[in-house]
Amino acid sequence: MKQTGRRGRERGLKFSMVTKFEVFTCQPLCYWGKILTLIEEVKRKYGSEVEIEVHRGLAQEASRYGVKVSPAFVVDGKLLLSGRIPQPEELLLAIQARKGEK
């Protein structure tokens, strides 16, 4: 999703809105290889448009989103899913829907 401010329009620039992508994993890190693969896929697809934060263990932040089971995936403060590792395509589609992309 692109957002252009008045000054940016005057200069012909476009600014991207950054999406915050959070991952909550258990401690010790179970299924870390699969989760790391998902994170890399998100980075490859969105690059600098996404800020990725990984929480190890059910951190205090998890309660804000209603996370009770890990792994859990949160985009822009909204819980996408928890309790299982999604397929990469499923996660990317959920992020696209959250960002308002087609």
Protein backbone atom coordinates (compact mmCIF):
# COMPACT_ATOMS: atom_id res chain seq x y z
CA MET A 1 0.00 0.00 0.00
CA LYS A 2 1.52 3.32 -1.00
CA GLN A 3 0.88 6.60 0.76
CA THR A 4 1.95 9.89 -0.69
CA GLY A 5 2.14 13.09 1.32
CA ARG A 6 1.70 16.59 -0.13
CA ARG A 7 5.41 17.36 -0.21
CA GLY A 8 6.14 13.93 -1.60
CA ARG A 9 3.65 14.50 -4.42
CA GLU A 10 5.30 17.83 -5.19
CA ARG A 11 8.65 16.06 -5.52
CA GLY A 12 7.24 12.99 -7.25
CA LEU A 13 8.11 10.70 -4.32
CA LYS A 14 6.06 7.86 -2.85
CA PHE A 15 6.28 6.69 0.74
CA SER A 16 5.43 3.16 1.88
CA MET A 17 3.54 2.44 5.05
CA VAL A 18 5.54 0.02 7.18
CA THR A 19 3.71 -3.05 8.41
CA LYS A 20 4.70 -4.45 11.79
CA PHE A 21 4.95 -8.26 11.71
CA GLU A 22 5.38 -10.00 15.08
CA VAL A 23 6.08 -13.67 15.72
CA PHE A 24 5.64 -15.31 19.12
CA THR A 25 7.49 -18.61 19.61
CA CYS A 26 7.84 -21.02 22.50
CA GLN A 27 10.95 -21.29 24.64
CA PRO A 28 12.99 -23.36 23.86
CA LEU A 29 12.52 -22.57 20.20
CA CYS A 30 10.43 -25.40 18.78
CA TYR A 31 9.98 -25.55 15.02
CA TRP A 32 12.42 -22.65 14.69
CA GLY A 33 13.55 -23.75 11.21
CA LYS A 34 10.01 -23.59 9.82
CA ILE A 35 9.31 -20.25 11.49
CA LEU A 36 12.60 -18.83 10.22
CA THR A 37 11.65 -19.93 6.69
CA LEU A 38 8.36 -18.02 7.02
CA ILE A 39 10.14 -14.91 8.28
CA GLU A 40 12.58 -15.06 5.36
CA GLU A 41 9.66 -15.41 2.91
CA VAL A 42 7.99 -12.31 4.39
CA LYS A 43 11.30 -10.37 4.16
CA ARG A 44 11.77 -11.47 0.55
CA LYS A 45 8.25 -10.43 -0.45
CA TYR A 46 8.01 -7.12 1.45
CA GLY A 47 11.59 -6.03 2.20
CA SER A 48 11.69 -2.67 3.95
CA GLU A 49 7.89 -2.38 3.97
CA VAL A 50 7.82 -4.79 6.92
CA GLU A 51 9.27 -4.44 10.41
CA ILE A 52 9.74 -7.92 11.90
CA GLU A 53 9.91 -8.56 15.64
CA VAL A 54 10.36 -12.04 17.15
CA HIS A 55 9.28 -12.72 20.75
CA ARG A 56 10.73 -15.86 22.33
CA GLY A 57 8.42 -17.40 24.89
CA LEU A 58 4.96 -16.09 25.60
CA ALA A 59 6.07 -12.56 26.40
CA GLN A 60 3.95 -9.95 28.12
CA GLU A 61 3.19 -8.48 24.70
CA ALA A 62 1.36 -11.70 23.79
CA SER A 63 -1.44 -10.99 26.26
CA ARG A 64 -2.23 -7.72 24.45
CA TYR A 65 -3.15 -9.71 21.36
CA GLY A 66 -4.90 -12.57 23.14
CA VAL A 67 -2.17 -15.09 22.31
CA LYS A 68 -2.49 -18.18 24.48
CA VAL A 69 -0.66 -20.73 22.31
CA SER A 70 2.50 -20.39 20.24
CA PRO A 71 3.54 -19.99 17.56
CA ALA A 72 1.46 -16.91 16.88
CA PHE A 73 1.62 -14.37 14.07
CA VAL A 74 0.48 -10.75 14.51
CA VAL A 75 0.29 -8.08 11.79
CA ASP A 76 -0.23 -4.43 12.72
CA GLY A 77 -1.58 -5.40 16.14
CA LYS A 78 -4.08 -7.94 14.80
CA LEU A 79 -3.68 -11.63 15.59
CA LEU A 80 -3.60 -13.57 12.30
CA LEU A 81 -3.34 -17.05 13.77
CA SER A 82 -1.87 -19.01 16.65
CA GLY A 83 -1.24 -22.59 17.65
CA ARG A 84 0.15 -23.77 14.32
CA ILE A 85 2.68 -22.96 11.63
CA PRO A 86 0.95 -21.79 8.45
CA GLN A 87 2.05 -22.53 4.92
CA PRO A 88 4.07 -19.61 3.50
CA GLU A 89 1.35 -18.81 0.94
CA GLU A 90 -1.30 -18.69 3.66
CA LEU A 91 0.73 -16.26 5.73
CA LEU A 92 1.54 -14.01 2.77
CA LEU A 93 -2.13 -13.91 1.72
CA ALA A 94 -3.13 -12.95 5.26
CA ILE A 95 -0.55 -10.15 5.30
CA GLN A 96 -1.68 -8.94 1.86
CA ALA A 97 -5.30 -8.86 3.04
CA ARG A 98 -4.26 -6.95 6.16
CA LYS A 99 -2.31 -4.44 4.06
CA GLY A 100 -5.25 -4.04 1.66
CA GLU A 101 -3.41 -5.45 -1.35
CA LYS A 102 -4.92 -7.50 -4.13
